[in-house]
């Protein structure tokens, strides 16, 4: 895969991470009431990928309008994402995998609009009151001014 990110304006590369989730054919996370195949169709990815997908909930202003926007980056960095989720569950807010660079770009499958599946939030968002938690571990939205 060609990496053309150096040709993009810097403002298109800024985003905030709201949360993450790993989905696998043999094990769907708590709070997701879909099969792996249904979740893949919802995300627009191949449901025959046996290793699962890492979903990263991103948010930030659109470069063209400045309006807040949510997206889900779907990646094959499953093991890295599982490590980050374990760190978050231990209360460690740092520990984001490299979401940029040749390895990360080659692992990106797609970027979908919105957050169609519940995410496990970055610990700091919940502590700061920026994430609305739907249950003990997941959330589906951040309160944002329209």
C-alpha atoms as a PDB file:
ATOM      1  CA  UNK A   1       0.000   0.000   0.000  1.00  0.00           C
ATOM      2  CA  UNK A   2       1.372   3.388  -0.937  1.00  0.00           C
ATOM      3  CA  UNK A   3       1.686   5.832   1.914  1.00  0.00           C
ATOM      4  CA  UNK A   4       0.610   9.233   0.658  1.00  0.00           C
ATOM      5  CA  UNK A   5       0.178  10.825   4.091  1.00  0.00           C
ATOM      6  CA  UNK A   6       3.151  13.119   3.548  1.00  0.00           C
ATOM      7  CA  UNK A   7       1.158  14.781   0.774  1.00  0.00           C
ATOM      8  CA  UNK A   8      -1.843  15.525   3.004  1.00  0.00           C
ATOM      9  CA  UNK A   9      -2.269  18.881   4.718  1.00  0.00           C
ATOM     10  CA  UNK A  10      -1.304  18.655   8.402  1.00  0.00           C
ATOM     11  CA  UNK A  11      -4.816  19.539   9.579  1.00  0.00           C
ATOM     12  CA  UNK A  12      -6.222  16.344   8.047  1.00  0.00           C
ATOM     13  CA  UNK A  13      -4.050  14.218  10.347  1.00  0.00           C
ATOM     14  CA  UNK A  14      -5.285  15.608  13.676  1.00  0.00           C
ATOM     15  CA  UNK A  15      -7.757  13.573  15.675  1.00  0.00           C
ATOM     16  CA  UNK A  16      -8.530  12.559  19.235  1.00  0.00           C
ATOM     17  CA  UNK A  17      -8.955   8.992  20.396  1.00  0.00           C
ATOM     18  CA  UNK A  18     -12.196   8.394  22.279  1.00  0.00           C
ATOM     19  CA  UNK A  19     -12.035   4.645  22.738  1.00  0.00           C
ATOM     20  CA  UNK A  20     -11.344   1.283  21.184  1.00  0.00           C
ATOM     21  CA  UNK A  21     -12.805  -2.161  20.750  1.00  0.00           C
ATOM     22  CA  UNK A  22     -11.632  -5.518  19.411  1.00  0.00           C
ATOM     23  CA  UNK A  23     -14.034  -7.804  17.594  1.00  0.00           C
ATOM     24  CA  UNK A  24     -13.230 -11.424  16.733  1.00  0.00           C
ATOM     25  CA  UNK A  25     -15.182 -14.174  14.989  1.00  0.00           C
ATOM     26  CA  UNK A  26     -15.019 -16.406  18.053  1.00  0.00           C
ATOM     27  CA  UNK A  27     -15.498 -13.767  20.737  1.00  0.00           C
ATOM     28  CA  UNK A  28     -17.497 -10.574  20.627  1.00  0.00           C
ATOM     29  CA  UNK A  29     -17.058  -8.078  23.477  1.00  0.00           C
ATOM     30  CA  UNK A  30     -19.664  -7.518  26.155  1.00  0.00           C
ATOM     31  CA  UNK A  31     -22.175  -4.886  25.127  1.00  0.00           C
ATOM     32  CA  UNK A  32     -22.106  -5.819  21.442  1.00  0.00           C
ATOM     33  CA  UNK A  33     -25.313  -7.670  20.621  1.00  0.00           C
ATOM     34  CA  UNK A  34     -24.252  -8.586  17.096  1.00  0.00           C
ATOM     35  CA  UNK A  35     -22.428 -11.504  15.566  1.00  0.00           C
ATOM     36  CA  UNK A  36     -18.982 -10.895  14.121  1.00  0.00           C
ATOM     37  CA  UNK A  37     -20.457 -11.111  10.629  1.00  0.00           C
ATOM     38  CA  UNK A  38     -23.163  -8.539  11.443  1.00  0.00           C
ATOM     39  CA  UNK A  39     -20.599  -6.176  12.985  1.00  0.00           C
ATOM     40  CA  UNK A  40     -18.374  -6.512   9.919  1.00  0.00           C
ATOM     41  CA  UNK A  41     -21.252  -5.698   7.578  1.00  0.00           C
ATOM     42  CA  UNK A  42     -22.073  -2.672   9.748  1.00  0.00           C
ATOM     43  CA  UNK A  43     -18.446  -1.498   9.552  1.00  0.00           C
ATOM     44  CA  UNK A  44     -18.132  -2.309   5.839  1.00  0.00           C
ATOM     45  CA  UNK A  45     -15.324  -4.870   6.220  1.00  0.00           C
ATOM     46  CA  UNK A  46     -14.767  -8.490   5.176  1.00  0.00           C
ATOM     47  CA  UNK A  47     -16.460 -10.859   7.645  1.00  0.00           C
ATOM     48  CA  UNK A  48     -14.147 -13.697   6.554  1.00  0.00           C
ATOM     49  CA  UNK A  49     -11.044 -12.147   8.146  1.00  0.00           C
ATOM     50  CA  UNK A  50     -10.368 -14.730  10.879  1.00  0.00           C
ATOM     51  CA  UNK A  51      -8.047 -12.661  13.081  1.00  0.00           C
ATOM     52  CA  UNK A  52     -10.585  -9.993  13.977  1.00  0.00           C
ATOM     53  CA  UNK A  53     -10.452  -6.227  13.810  1.00  0.00           C
ATOM     54  CA  UNK A  54      -9.398  -3.381  16.065  1.00  0.00           C
ATOM     55  CA  UNK A  55     -11.833  -0.469  16.083  1.00  0.00           C
ATOM     56  CA  UNK A  56     -10.623   2.979  17.154  1.00  0.00           C
ATOM     57  CA  UNK A  57     -13.204   5.648  17.869  1.00  0.00           C
ATOM     58  CA  UNK A  58     -11.864   9.010  16.739  1.00  0.00           C
ATOM     59  CA  UNK A  59     -13.320  12.482  17.072  1.00  0.00           C
ATOM     60  CA  UNK A  60     -12.367  16.007  16.207  1.00  0.00           C
ATOM     61  CA  UNK A  61     -13.182  18.883  13.924  1.00  0.00           C
ATOM     62  CA  UNK A  62     -13.625  18.320  10.216  1.00  0.00           C
ATOM     63  CA  UNK A  63     -10.790  20.057   8.368  1.00  0.00           C
ATOM     64  CA  UNK A  64     -13.193  21.597   5.859  1.00  0.00           C
ATOM     65  CA  UNK A  65     -15.978  22.843   8.192  1.00  0.00           C
ATOM     66  CA  UNK A  66     -14.580  22.762  11.730  1.00  0.00           C
ATOM     67  CA  UNK A  67     -17.686  20.854  12.921  1.00  0.00           C
ATOM     68  CA  UNK A  68     -17.176  18.000  15.362  1.00  0.00           C
ATOM     69  CA  UNK A  69     -17.086  14.647  13.644  1.00  0.00           C
ATOM     70  CA  UNK A  70     -16.842  11.013  14.781  1.00  0.00           C
ATOM     71  CA  UNK A  71     -15.201   8.218  12.840  1.00  0.00           C
ATOM     72  CA  UNK A  72     -14.181   4.629  13.454  1.00  0.00           C
ATOM     73  CA  UNK A  73     -10.797   3.550  12.146  1.00  0.00           C
ATOM     74  CA  UNK A  74     -10.880  -0.200  11.461  1.00  0.00           C
ATOM     75  CA  UNK A  75      -7.455  -1.813  11.662  1.00  0.00           C
ATOM     76  CA  UNK A  76      -5.790  -5.212  11.815  1.00  0.00           C
ATOM     77  CA  UNK A  77      -3.674  -4.121  14.824  1.00  0.00           C
ATOM     78  CA  UNK A  78      -5.656  -6.477  17.079  1.00  0.00           C
ATOM     79  CA  UNK A  79      -2.847  -7.544  19.446  1.00  0.00           C
ATOM     80  CA  UNK A  80      -1.635  -3.952  19.918  1.00  0.00           C
ATOM     81  CA  UNK A  81      -5.167  -2.782  20.616  1.00  0.00           C
ATOM     82  CA  UNK A  82      -5.777  -5.588  23.118  1.00  0.00           C
ATOM     83  CA  UNK A  83      -2.633  -4.487  24.972  1.00  0.00           C
ATOM     84  CA  UNK A  84      -3.849  -0.878  25.061  1.00  0.00           C
ATOM     85  CA  UNK A  85      -7.259  -1.968  26.347  1.00  0.00           C
ATOM     86  CA  UNK A  86      -5.573  -3.975  29.115  1.00  0.00           C
ATOM     87  CA  UNK A  87      -3.561  -0.890  30.105  1.00  0.00           C
ATOM     88  CA  UNK A  88      -6.714   1.233  30.157  1.00  0.00           C
ATOM     89  CA  UNK A  89      -8.486  -1.328  32.343  1.00  0.00           C
ATOM     90  CA  UNK A  90      -5.551  -1.063  34.744  1.00  0.00           C
ATOM     91  CA  UNK A  91      -6.102   2.712  34.864  1.00  0.00           C
ATOM     92  CA  UNK A  92      -3.125   3.623  32.683  1.00  0.00           C
ATOM     93  CA  UNK A  93      -4.266   6.351  30.327  1.00  0.00           C
ATOM     94  CA  UNK A  94      -1.239   6.270  28.078  1.00  0.00           C
ATOM     95  CA  UNK A  95      -0.360   3.453  25.782  1.00  0.00           C
ATOM     96  CA  UNK A  96      -1.786   4.216  22.369  1.00  0.00           C
ATOM     97  CA  UNK A  97      -0.392   2.065  19.583  1.00  0.00           C
ATOM     98  CA  UNK A  98       1.167   3.928  16.702  1.00  0.00           C
ATOM     99  CA  UNK A  99      -1.839   4.898  14.594  1.00  0.00           C
ATOM    100  CA  UNK A 100       0.380   6.567  12.017  1.00  0.00           C
ATOM    101  CA  UNK A 101       3.388   5.358  10.068  1.00  0.00           C
ATOM    102  CA  UNK A 102       3.939   2.653   7.464  1.00  0.00           C
ATOM    103  CA  UNK A 103       2.888  -0.312   9.620  1.00  0.00           C
ATOM    104  CA  UNK A 104      -0.227   1.398  10.934  1.00  0.00           C
ATOM    105  CA  UNK A 105      -1.274   2.711   7.521  1.00  0.00           C
ATOM    106  CA  UNK A 106      -0.853  -0.727   5.959  1.00  0.00           C
ATOM    107  CA  UNK A 107      -3.038  -2.233   8.707  1.00  0.00           C
ATOM    108  CA  UNK A 108      -5.966   0.167   8.173  1.00  0.00           C
ATOM    109  CA  UNK A 109      -8.893  -1.555   6.515  1.00  0.00           C
ATOM    110  CA  UNK A 110     -11.333   1.352   6.381  1.00  0.00           C
ATOM    111  CA  UNK A 111     -12.552   4.431   8.199  1.00  0.00           C
ATOM    112  CA  UNK A 112     -16.288   4.482   8.848  1.00  0.00           C
ATOM    113  CA  UNK A 113     -18.449   7.456   9.774  1.00  0.00           C
ATOM    114  CA  UNK A 114     -19.691   7.537  13.345  1.00  0.00           C
ATOM    115  CA  UNK A 115     -19.292   4.978  16.094  1.00  0.00           C
ATOM    116  CA  UNK A 116     -21.639   2.170  15.094  1.00  0.00           C
ATOM    117  CA  UNK A 117     -20.457  -0.105  17.928  1.00  0.00           C
ATOM    118  CA  UNK A 118     -19.967   0.694  21.623  1.00  0.00           C
ATOM    119  CA  UNK A 119     -16.377   1.547  22.522  1.00  0.00           C
ATOM    120  CA  UNK A 120     -14.289   1.031  25.613  1.00  0.00           C
ATOM    121  CA  UNK A 121     -13.399   4.638  26.470  1.00  0.00           C
ATOM    122  CA  UNK A 122     -10.001   6.141  27.103  1.00  0.00           C
ATOM    123  CA  UNK A 123      -9.921   6.393  30.935  1.00  0.00           C
ATOM    124  CA  UNK A 124      -9.329  10.145  30.996  1.00  0.00           C
ATOM    125  CA  UNK A 125     -12.498  10.914  29.042  1.00  0.00           C
ATOM    126  CA  UNK A 126     -14.737   9.286  31.613  1.00  0.00           C
ATOM    127  CA  UNK A 127     -12.847  10.811  34.548  1.00  0.00           C
ATOM    128  CA  UNK A 128     -13.155  14.279  33.000  1.00  0.00           C
ATOM    129  CA  UNK A 129     -16.861  13.788  32.385  1.00  0.00           C
ATOM    130  CA  UNK A 130     -16.378  13.942  28.627  1.00  0.00           C
ATOM    131  CA  UNK A 131     -17.676  10.436  27.931  1.00  0.00           C
ATOM    132  CA  UNK A 132     -21.152   9.228  28.715  1.00  0.00           C
ATOM    133  CA  UNK A 133     -20.817   5.644  29.927  1.00  0.00           C
ATOM    134  CA  UNK A 134     -23.653   3.334  28.947  1.00  0.00           C
ATOM    135  CA  UNK A 135     -22.668   0.594  31.399  1.00  0.00           C
ATOM    136  CA  UNK A 136     -19.570  -0.243  33.404  1.00  0.00           C
ATOM    137  CA  UNK A 137     -17.228  -0.556  30.447  1.00  0.00           C
ATOM    138  CA  UNK A 138     -18.578   0.926  27.214  1.00  0.00           C
ATOM    139  CA  UNK A 139     -19.939   4.114  25.728  1.00  0.00           C
ATOM    140  CA  UNK A 140     -21.397   5.099  22.426  1.00  0.00           C
ATOM    141  CA  UNK A 141     -21.149   8.871  22.400  1.00  0.00           C
ATOM    142  CA  UNK A 142     -19.468  11.944  23.726  1.00  0.00           C
ATOM    143  CA  UNK A 143     -21.555  14.997  24.564  1.00  0.00           C
ATOM    144  CA  UNK A 144     -20.558  17.485  21.856  1.00  0.00           C
ATOM    145  CA  UNK A 145     -22.040  20.838  20.997  1.00  0.00           C
ATOM    146  CA  UNK A 146     -23.588  20.866  17.549  1.00  0.00           C
END
